[in-house]
Amino acid sequence: MERSEKAETVAPGERLVTLIRKPGCHLCDDAQQVVEKVCGDLGVPWEGKDITQDEELHRAYWEQIPVVLVDGAQHTFWRVDEGRLRKALAS
């Protein structure tokens, strides 16, 4: 079962990382490890979304998963670079 932090409420001005993934995807598992590490280190909330459970996400991102959004904007897809994500969250 996928573990994710649910960002139920995000204060104004607070960062939010969203990982869009699907079950059984090894690249998604790798991306989640990076997201968990970086967000945990920086104290940034993150949430996981299953692309198979959301038709809009499926249409938008199916060929790119895993996809990482930072504050709702696409940051990266396929492979998540730890340093690049850290830099994006620090700005």
PDB file of N, CA and C in Angstrom:
ATOM      1  N   MET A   1       0.835  -1.183   0.000  1.00  0.00           N
ATOM      2  CA  MET A   1       0.000   0.000   0.000  1.00  0.00           C
ATOM      3  C   MET A   1       0.882   1.249   0.000  1.00  0.00           C
ATOM      4  N   GLU A   2       0.493   2.205  -0.789  1.00  0.00           N
ATOM      5  CA  GLU A   2       1.254   3.449  -0.902  1.00  0.00           C
ATOM      6  C   GLU A   2       1.103   4.274   0.364  1.00  0.00           C
ATOM      7  N   ARG A   3       2.223   4.761   0.867  1.00  0.00           N
ATOM      8  CA  ARG A   3       2.212   5.646   2.022  1.00  0.00           C
ATOM      9  C   ARG A   3       2.402   7.062   1.508  1.00  0.00           C
ATOM     10  N   SER A   4       1.601   7.959   1.976  1.00  0.00           N
ATOM     11  CA  SER A   4       1.805   9.349   1.602  1.00  0.00           C
ATOM     12  C   SER A   4       1.369  10.237   2.741  1.00  0.00           C
ATOM     13  N   GLU A   5       1.969  11.383   2.786  1.00  0.00           N
ATOM     14  CA  GLU A   5       1.565  12.396   3.743  1.00  0.00           C
ATOM     15  C   GLU A   5       0.426  13.161   3.099  1.00  0.00           C
ATOM     16  N   LYS A   6      -0.677  13.285   3.788  1.00  0.00           N
ATOM     17  CA  LYS A   6      -1.798  14.044   3.257  1.00  0.00           C
ATOM     18  C   LYS A   6      -1.692  15.476   3.745  1.00  0.00           C
ATOM     19  N   ALA A   7      -1.598  16.362   2.828  1.00  0.00           N
ATOM     20  CA  ALA A   7      -1.528  17.774   3.171  1.00  0.00           C
ATOM     21  C   ALA A   7      -2.958  18.314   3.181  1.00  0.00           C
ATOM     22  N   GLU A   8      -3.662  18.062   4.262  1.00  0.00           N
ATOM     23  CA  GLU A   8      -5.060  18.461   4.360  1.00  0.00           C
ATOM     24  C   GLU A   8      -5.209  19.975   4.311  1.00  0.00           C
ATOM     25  N   THR A   9      -4.377  20.669   5.060  1.00  0.00           N
ATOM     26  CA  THR A   9      -4.443  22.129   5.052  1.00  0.00           C
ATOM     27  C   THR A   9      -3.024  22.670   4.919  1.00  0.00           C
ATOM     28  N   VAL A  10      -2.902  23.627   4.051  1.00  0.00           N
ATOM     29  CA  VAL A  10      -1.613  24.277   3.833  1.00  0.00           C
ATOM     30  C   VAL A  10      -1.830  25.761   4.095  1.00  0.00           C
ATOM     31  N   ALA A  11      -1.026  26.288   4.991  1.00  0.00           N
ATOM     32  CA  ALA A  11      -1.141  27.711   5.336  1.00  0.00           C
ATOM     33  C   ALA A  11      -0.768  28.574   4.135  1.00  0.00           C
ATOM     34  N   PRO A  12      -1.354  29.762   4.042  1.00  0.00           N
ATOM     35  CA  PRO A  12      -0.982  30.673   2.959  1.00  0.00           C
ATOM     36  C   PRO A  12       0.533  30.891   2.945  1.00  0.00           C
ATOM     37  N   GLY A  13       1.119  30.799   1.766  1.00  0.00           N
ATOM     38  CA  GLY A  13       2.555  30.993   1.630  1.00  0.00           C
ATOM     39  C   GLY A  13       3.376  29.740   1.873  1.00  0.00           C
ATOM     40  N   GLU A  14       2.733  28.672   2.383  1.00  0.00           N
ATOM     41  CA  GLU A  14       3.451  27.425   2.643  1.00  0.00           C
ATOM     42  C   GLU A  14       3.551  26.620   1.348  1.00  0.00           C
ATOM     43  N   ARG A  15       4.667  25.944   1.178  1.00  0.00           N
ATOM     44  CA  ARG A  15       4.909  25.128  -0.016  1.00  0.00           C
ATOM     45  C   ARG A  15       4.124  23.826   0.087  1.00  0.00           C
ATOM     46  N   LEU A  16       3.814  23.220  -1.061  1.00  0.00           N
ATOM     47  CA  LEU A  16       3.174  21.909  -1.124  1.00  0.00           C
ATOM     48  C   LEU A  16       3.724  21.155  -2.320  1.00  0.00           C
ATOM     49  N   VAL A  17       4.179  19.928  -2.070  1.00  0.00           N
ATOM     50  CA  VAL A  17       4.652  19.054  -3.135  1.00  0.00           C
ATOM     51  C   VAL A  17       3.595  17.979  -3.353  1.00  0.00           C
ATOM     52  N   THR A  18       3.264  17.735  -4.609  1.00  0.00           N
ATOM     53  CA  THR A  18       2.316  16.682  -4.970  1.00  0.00           C
ATOM     54  C   THR A  18       3.036  15.686  -5.864  1.00  0.00           C
ATOM     55  N   LEU A  19       2.953  14.422  -5.499  1.00  0.00           N
ATOM     56  CA  LEU A  19       3.521  13.344  -6.309  1.00  0.00           C
ATOM     57  C   LEU A  19       2.361  12.610  -6.968  1.00  0.00           C
ATOM     58  N   ILE A  20       2.322  12.650  -8.289  1.00  0.00           N
ATOM     59  CA  ILE A  20       1.299  11.944  -9.054  1.00  0.00           C
ATOM     60  C   ILE A  20       1.928  10.649  -9.539  1.00  0.00           C
ATOM     61  N   ARG A  21       1.307   9.534  -9.172  1.00  0.00           N
ATOM     62  CA  ARG A  21       1.906   8.225  -9.435  1.00  0.00           C
ATOM     63  C   ARG A  21       0.842   7.194  -9.728  1.00  0.00           C
ATOM     64  N   LYS A  22       1.271   5.970 -10.004  1.00  0.00           N
ATOM     65  CA  LYS A  22       0.335   4.856 -10.152  1.00  0.00           C
ATOM     66  C   LYS A  22       0.907   3.648  -9.425  1.00  0.00           C
ATOM     67  N   PRO A  23       0.044   2.733  -9.009  1.00  0.00           N
ATOM     68  CA  PRO A  23       0.510   1.527  -8.327  1.00  0.00           C
ATOM     69  C   PRO A  23       1.390   0.667  -9.250  1.00  0.00           C
ATOM     70  N   GLY A  24       2.406   0.049  -8.658  1.00  0.00           N
ATOM     71  CA  GLY A  24       3.270  -0.862  -9.395  1.00  0.00           C
ATOM     72  C   GLY A  24       4.299  -0.202 -10.291  1.00  0.00           C
ATOM     73  N   CYS A  25       4.531   1.070 -10.135  1.00  0.00           N
ATOM     74  CA  CYS A  25       5.463   1.831 -10.976  1.00  0.00           C
ATOM     75  C   CYS A  25       6.777   2.010 -10.213  1.00  0.00           C
ATOM     76  N   HIS A  26       7.865   1.389 -10.697  1.00  0.00           N
ATOM     77  CA  HIS A  26       9.142   1.485  -9.979  1.00  0.00           C
ATOM     78  C   HIS A  26       9.706   2.907 -10.010  1.00  0.00           C
ATOM     79  N   LEU A  27       9.501   3.640 -11.093  1.00  0.00           N
ATOM     80  CA  LEU A  27       9.959   5.033 -11.120  1.00  0.00           C
ATOM     81  C   LEU A  27       9.190   5.868 -10.100  1.00  0.00           C
ATOM     82  N   CYS A  28       7.919   5.531  -9.906  1.00  0.00           N
ATOM     83  CA  CYS A  28       7.100   6.234  -8.910  1.00  0.00           C
ATOM     84  C   CYS A  28       7.621   5.962  -7.502  1.00  0.00           C
ATOM     85  N   ASP A  29       8.013   4.717  -7.250  1.00  0.00           N
ATOM     86  CA  ASP A  29       8.581   4.370  -5.946  1.00  0.00           C
ATOM     87  C   ASP A  29       9.869   5.154  -5.703  1.00  0.00           C
ATOM     88  N   ASP A  30      10.718   5.241  -6.734  1.00  0.00           N
ATOM     89  CA  ASP A  30      11.968   6.001  -6.621  1.00  0.00           C
ATOM     90  C   ASP A  30      11.678   7.477  -6.360  1.00  0.00           C
ATOM     91  N   ALA A  31      10.712   8.031  -7.095  1.00  0.00           N
ATOM     92  CA  ALA A  31      10.347   9.441  -6.927  1.00  0.00           C
ATOM     93  C   ALA A  31       9.827   9.696  -5.520  1.00  0.00           C
ATOM     94  N   GLN A  32       9.026   8.777  -4.997  1.00  0.00           N
ATOM     95  CA  GLN A  32       8.477   8.958  -3.660  1.00  0.00           C
ATOM     96  C   GLN A  32       9.581   8.987  -2.612  1.00  0.00           C
ATOM     97  N   GLN A  33      10.595   8.177  -2.766  1.00  0.00           N
ATOM     98  CA  GLN A  33      11.715   8.183  -1.822  1.00  0.00           C
ATOM     99  C   GLN A  33      12.388   9.553  -1.799  1.00  0.00           C
ATOM    100  N   VAL A  34      12.598  10.148  -2.969  1.00  0.00           N
ATOM    101  CA  VAL A  34      13.231  11.470  -3.044  1.00  0.00           C
ATOM    102  C   VAL A  34      12.317  12.524  -2.428  1.00  0.00           C
ATOM    103  N   VAL A  35      11.036  12.492  -2.774  1.00  0.00           N
ATOM    104  CA  VAL A  35      10.083  13.469  -2.245  1.00  0.00           C
ATOM    105  C   VAL A  35      10.010  13.361  -0.725  1.00  0.00           C
ATOM    106  N   GLU A  36       9.902  12.146  -0.208  1.00  0.00           N
ATOM    107  CA  GLU A  36       9.844  11.954   1.255  1.00  0.00           C
ATOM    108  C   GLU A  36      11.091  12.514   1.934  1.00  0.00           C
ATOM    109  N   LYS A  37      12.261  12.245   1.357  1.00  0.00           N
ATOM    110  CA  LYS A  37      13.519  12.694   1.958  1.00  0.00           C
ATOM    111  C   LYS A  37      13.620  14.218   1.951  1.00  0.00           C
ATOM    112  N   VAL A  38      13.421  14.822   0.790  1.00  0.00           N
ATOM    113  CA  VAL A  38      13.572  16.266   0.663  1.00  0.00           C
ATOM    114  C   VAL A  38      12.514  16.991   1.499  1.00  0.00           C
ATOM    115  N   CYS A  39      11.271  16.577   1.373  1.00  0.00           N
ATOM    116  CA  CYS A  39      10.204  17.244   2.126  1.00  0.00           C
ATOM    117  C   CYS A  39      10.383  17.039   3.625  1.00  0.00           C
ATOM    118  N   GLY A  40      10.817  15.865   4.026  1.00  0.00           N
ATOM    119  CA  GLY A  40      11.079  15.610   5.437  1.00  0.00           C
ATOM    120  C   GLY A  40      12.203  16.482   5.965  1.00  0.00           C
ATOM    121  N   ASP A  41      13.278  16.596   5.194  1.00  0.00           N
ATOM    122  CA  ASP A  41      14.418  17.425   5.603  1.00  0.00           C
ATOM    123  C   ASP A  41      14.038  18.894   5.724  1.00  0.00           C
ATOM    124  N   LEU A  42      13.179  19.363   4.805  1.00  0.00           N
ATOM    125  CA  LEU A  42      12.846  20.786   4.751  1.00  0.00           C
ATOM    126  C   LEU A  42      11.551  21.139   5.482  1.00  0.00           C
ATOM    127  N   GLY A  43      10.851  20.125   5.967  1.00  0.00           N
ATOM    128  CA  GLY A  43       9.598  20.385   6.665  1.00  0.00           C
ATOM    129  C   GLY A  43       8.480  20.859   5.743  1.00  0.00           C
ATOM    130  N   VAL A  44       8.512  20.403   4.502  1.00  0.00           N
ATOM    131  CA  VAL A  44       7.506  20.793   3.512  1.00  0.00           C
ATOM    132  C   VAL A  44       6.462  19.681   3.407  1.00  0.00           C
ATOM    133  N   PRO A  45       5.174  20.020   3.480  1.00  0.00           N
ATOM    134  CA  PRO A  45       4.153  18.991   3.339  1.00  0.00           C
ATOM    135  C   PRO A  45       4.102  18.460   1.908  1.00  0.00           C
ATOM    136  N   TRP A  46       3.713  17.181   1.795  1.00  0.00           N
ATOM    137  CA  TRP A  46       3.549  16.594   0.472  1.00  0.00           C
ATOM    138  C   TRP A  46       2.349  15.670   0.498  1.00  0.00           C
ATOM    139  N   GLU A  47       1.833  15.403  -0.696  1.00  0.00           N
ATOM    140  CA  GLU A  47       0.706  14.501  -0.842  1.00  0.00           C
ATOM    141  C   GLU A  47       0.942  13.614  -2.047  1.00  0.00           C
ATOM    142  N   GLY A  48       0.383  12.423  -2.004  1.00  0.00           N
ATOM    143  CA  GLY A  48       0.450  11.508  -3.131  1.00  0.00           C
ATOM    144  C   GLY A  48      -0.909  11.369  -3.763  1.00  0.00           C
ATOM    145  N   LYS A  49      -0.942  11.355  -5.090  1.00  0.00           N
ATOM    146  CA  LYS A  49      -2.195  11.166  -5.819  1.00  0.00           C
ATOM    147  C   LYS A  49      -2.019  10.026  -6.804  1.00  0.00           C
ATOM    148  N   ASP A  50      -3.006   9.142  -6.838  1.00  0.00           N
ATOM    149  CA  ASP A  50      -3.009   7.976  -7.711  1.00  0.00           C
ATOM    150  C   ASP A  50      -3.671   8.359  -9.033  1.00  0.00           C
ATOM    151  N   ILE A  51      -2.907   8.321 -10.100  1.00  0.00           N
ATOM    152  CA  ILE A  51      -3.401   8.736 -11.412  1.00  0.00           C
ATOM    153  C   ILE A  51      -4.530   7.833 -11.906  1.00  0.00           C
ATOM    154  N   THR A  52      -4.590   6.604 -11.404  1.00  0.00           N
ATOM    155  CA  THR A  52      -5.649   5.686 -11.836  1.00  0.00           C
ATOM    156  C   THR A  52      -6.983   6.000 -11.174  1.00  0.00           C
ATOM    157  N   GLN A  53      -6.976   6.886 -10.190  1.00  0.00           N
ATOM    158  CA  GLN A  53      -8.196   7.242  -9.472  1.00  0.00           C
ATOM    159  C   GLN A  53      -8.724   8.628  -9.840  1.00  0.00           C
ATOM    160  N   ASP A  54      -8.091   9.294 -10.798  1.00  0.00           N
ATOM    161  CA  ASP A  54      -8.478  10.669 -11.133  1.00  0.00           C
ATOM    162  C   ASP A  54      -8.382  10.856 -12.647  1.00  0.00           C
ATOM    163  N   GLU A  55      -9.518  10.947 -13.307  1.00  0.00           N
ATOM    164  CA  GLU A  55      -9.558  11.035 -14.772  1.00  0.00           C
ATOM    165  C   GLU A  55      -8.842  12.283 -15.292  1.00  0.00           C
ATOM    166  N   GLU A  56      -8.969  13.404 -14.611  1.00  0.00           N
ATOM    167  CA  GLU A  56      -8.304  14.634 -15.052  1.00  0.00           C
ATOM    168  C   GLU A  56      -6.780  14.485 -14.995  1.00  0.00           C
ATOM    169  N   LEU A  57      -6.268  13.948 -13.892  1.00  0.00           N
ATOM    170  CA  LEU A  57      -4.823  13.710 -13.784  1.00  0.00           C
ATOM    171  C   LEU A  57      -4.372  12.704 -14.838  1.00  0.00           C
ATOM    172  N   HIS A  58      -5.178  11.681 -15.067  1.00  0.00           N
ATOM    173  CA  HIS A  58      -4.856  10.660 -16.061  1.00  0.00           C
ATOM    174  C   HIS A  58      -4.692  11.292 -17.441  1.00  0.00           C
ATOM    175  N   ARG A  59      -5.641  12.120 -17.832  1.00  0.00           N
ATOM    176  CA  ARG A  59      -5.565  12.790 -19.149  1.00  0.00           C
ATOM    177  C   ARG A  59      -4.331  13.697 -19.241  1.00  0.00           C
ATOM    178  N   ALA A  60      -4.046  14.411 -18.179  1.00  0.00           N
ATOM    179  CA  ALA A  60      -2.965  15.408 -18.211  1.00  0.00           C
ATOM    180  C   ALA A  60      -1.572  14.796 -18.146  1.00  0.00           C
ATOM    181  N   TYR A  61      -1.420  13.698 -17.383  1.00  0.00           N
ATOM    182  CA  TYR A  61      -0.058  13.253 -17.050  1.00  0.00           C
ATOM    183  C   TYR A  61       0.261  11.791 -17.358  1.00  0.00           C
ATOM    184  N   TRP A  62      -0.649  11.031 -17.967  1.00  0.00           N
ATOM    185  CA  TRP A  62      -0.452   9.588 -18.104  1.00  0.00           C
ATOM    186  C   TRP A  62       0.908   9.221 -18.690  1.00  0.00           C
ATOM    187  N   GLU A  63       1.374   9.913 -19.700  1.00  0.00           N
ATOM    188  CA  GLU A  63       2.631   9.548 -20.360  1.00  0.00           C
ATOM    189  C   GLU A  63       3.859  10.087 -19.643  1.00  0.00           C
ATOM    190  N   GLN A  64       3.673  10.801 -18.533  1.00  0.00           N
ATOM    191  CA  GLN A  64       4.808  11.426 -17.854  1.00  0.00           C
ATOM    192  C   GLN A  64       5.056  10.878 -16.451  1.00  0.00           C
ATOM    193  N   ILE A  65       4.211  10.020 -15.927  1.00  0.00           N
ATOM    194  CA  ILE A  65       4.340   9.640 -14.520  1.00  0.00           C
ATOM    195  C   ILE A  65       5.661   8.949 -14.231  1.00  0.00           C
ATOM    196  N   PRO A  66       6.189   9.137 -13.046  1.00  0.00           N
ATOM    197  CA  PRO A  66       5.679   9.992 -11.991  1.00  0.00           C
ATOM    198  C   PRO A  66       5.885  11.474 -12.320  1.00  0.00           C
ATOM    199  N   VAL A  67       4.986  12.281 -11.806  1.00  0.00           N
ATOM    200  CA  VAL A  67       5.049  13.724 -11.996  1.00  0.00           C
ATOM    201  C   VAL A  67       5.092  14.371 -10.617  1.00  0.00           C
ATOM    202  N   VAL A  68       5.950  15.376 -10.476  1.00  0.00           N
ATOM    203  CA  VAL A  68       6.020  16.134  -9.225  1.00  0.00           C
ATOM    204  C   VAL A  68       5.562  17.558  -9.502  1.00  0.00           C
ATOM    205  N   LEU A  69       4.599  18.004  -8.699  1.00  0.00           N
ATOM    206  CA  LEU A  69       4.134  19.382  -8.750  1.00  0.00           C
ATOM    207  C   LEU A  69       4.643  20.095  -7.513  1.00  0.00           C
ATOM    208  N   VAL A  70       5.048  21.321  -7.668  1.00  0.00           N
ATOM    209  CA  VAL A  70       5.407  22.179  -6.539  1.00  0.00           C
ATOM    210  C   VAL A  70       4.430  23.340  -6.562  1.00  0.00           C
ATOM    211  N   ASP A  71       3.651  23.440  -5.508  1.00  0.00           N
ATOM    212  CA  ASP A  71       2.623  24.476  -5.409  1.00  0.00           C
ATOM    213  C   ASP A  71       1.682  24.448  -6.610  1.00  0.00           C
ATOM    214  N   GLY A  72       1.356  23.250  -7.084  1.00  0.00           N
ATOM    215  CA  GLY A  72       0.401  23.087  -8.177  1.00  0.00           C
ATOM    216  C   GLY A  72       0.968  23.197  -9.573  1.00  0.00           C
ATOM    217  N   ALA A  73       2.227  23.596  -9.707  1.00  0.00           N
ATOM    218  CA  ALA A  73       2.866  23.731 -11.018  1.00  0.00           C
ATOM    219  C   ALA A  73       3.813  22.549 -11.248  1.00  0.00           C
ATOM    220  N   GLN A  74       3.830  22.039 -12.482  1.00  0.00           N
ATOM    221  CA  GLN A  74       4.698  20.896 -12.765  1.00  0.00           C
ATOM    222  C   GLN A  74       6.159  21.266 -12.572  1.00  0.00           C
ATOM    223  N   HIS A  75       6.830  20.472 -11.750  1.00  0.00           N
ATOM    224  CA  HIS A  75       8.256  20.666 -11.473  1.00  0.00           C
ATOM    225  C   HIS A  75       9.091  19.720 -12.327  1.00  0.00           C
ATOM    226  N   THR A  76       8.707  18.451 -12.375  1.00  0.00           N
ATOM    227  CA  THR A  76       9.474  17.461 -13.117  1.00  0.00           C
ATOM    228  C   THR A  76       8.615  16.240 -13.393  1.00  0.00           C
ATOM    229  N   PHE A  77       9.143  15.323 -14.198  1.00  0.00           N
ATOM    230  CA  PHE A  77       8.497  14.037 -14.433  1.00  0.00           C
ATOM    231  C   PHE A  77       9.551  12.982 -14.701  1.00  0.00           C
ATOM    232  N   TRP A  78       9.141  11.730 -14.624  1.00  0.00           N
ATOM    233  CA  TRP A  78       9.951  10.527 -14.769  1.00  0.00           C
ATOM    234  C   TRP A  78      10.974  10.367 -13.653  1.00  0.00           C
ATOM    235  N   ARG A  79      11.979  11.184 -13.601  1.00  0.00           N
ATOM    236  CA  ARG A  79      13.015  11.061 -12.566  1.00  0.00           C
ATOM    237  C   ARG A  79      13.093  12.362 -11.769  1.00  0.00           C
ATOM    238  N   VAL A  80      13.162  12.217 -10.456  1.00  0.00           N
ATOM    239  CA  VAL A  80      13.197  13.387  -9.582  1.00  0.00           C
ATOM    240  C   VAL A  80      14.631  13.590  -9.102  1.00  0.00           C
ATOM    241  N   ASP A  81      15.184  14.754  -9.389  1.00  0.00           N
ATOM    242  CA  ASP A  81      16.533  15.096  -8.960  1.00  0.00           C
ATOM    243  C   ASP A  81      16.444  15.765  -7.585  1.00  0.00           C
ATOM    244  N   GLU A  82      17.088  15.153  -6.603  1.00  0.00           N
ATOM    245  CA  GLU A  82      17.015  15.657  -5.229  1.00  0.00           C
ATOM    246  C   GLU A  82      17.489  17.103  -5.113  1.00  0.00           C
ATOM    247  N   GLY A  83      18.613  17.435  -5.706  1.00  0.00           N
ATOM    248  CA  GLY A  83      19.155  18.785  -5.621  1.00  0.00           C
ATOM    249  C   GLY A  83      18.246  19.813  -6.274  1.00  0.00           C
ATOM    250  N   ARG A  84      17.681  19.458  -7.395  1.00  0.00           N
ATOM    251  CA  ARG A  84      16.785  20.386  -8.105  1.00  0.00           C
ATOM    252  C   ARG A  84      15.514  20.624  -7.293  1.00  0.00           C
ATOM    253  N   LEU A  85      14.968  19.574  -6.679  1.00  0.00           N
ATOM    254  CA  LEU A  85      13.768  19.736  -5.857  1.00  0.00           C
ATOM    255  C   LEU A  85      14.074  20.590  -4.624  1.00  0.00           C
ATOM    256  N   ARG A  86      15.209  20.342  -3.986  1.00  0.00           N
ATOM    257  CA  ARG A  86      15.616  21.158  -2.838  1.00  0.00           C
ATOM    258  C   ARG A  86      15.705  22.645  -3.226  1.00  0.00           C
ATOM    259  N   LYS A  87      16.324  22.912  -4.361  1.00  0.00           N
ATOM    260  CA  LYS A  87      16.489  24.287  -4.822  1.00  0.00           C
ATOM    261  C   LYS A  87      15.134  24.938  -5.087  1.00  0.00           C
ATOM    262  N   ALA A  88      14.223  24.202  -5.708  1.00  0.00           N
ATOM    263  CA  ALA A  88      12.898  24.741  -5.992  1.00  0.00           C
ATOM    264  C   ALA A  88      12.135  25.071  -4.719  1.00  0.00           C
ATOM    265  N   LEU A  89      12.292  24.241  -3.701  1.00  0.00           N
ATOM    266  CA  LEU A  89      11.570  24.463  -2.446  1.00  0.00           C
ATOM    267  C   LEU A  89      12.218  25.543  -1.595  1.00  0.00           C
ATOM    268  N   ALA A  90      13.486  25.825  -1.831  1.00  0.00           N
ATOM    269  CA  ALA A  90      14.193  26.851  -1.054  1.00  0.00           C
ATOM    270  C   ALA A  90      13.964  28.251  -1.622  1.00  0.00           C
ATOM    271  N   SER A  91      13.489  28.316  -2.855  1.00  0.00           N
ATOM    272  CA  SER A  91      13.315  29.643  -3.478  1.00  0.00           C
ATOM    273  C   SER A  91      12.000  30.284  -3.094  1.00  0.00           C
TER     274      SER A  91
END
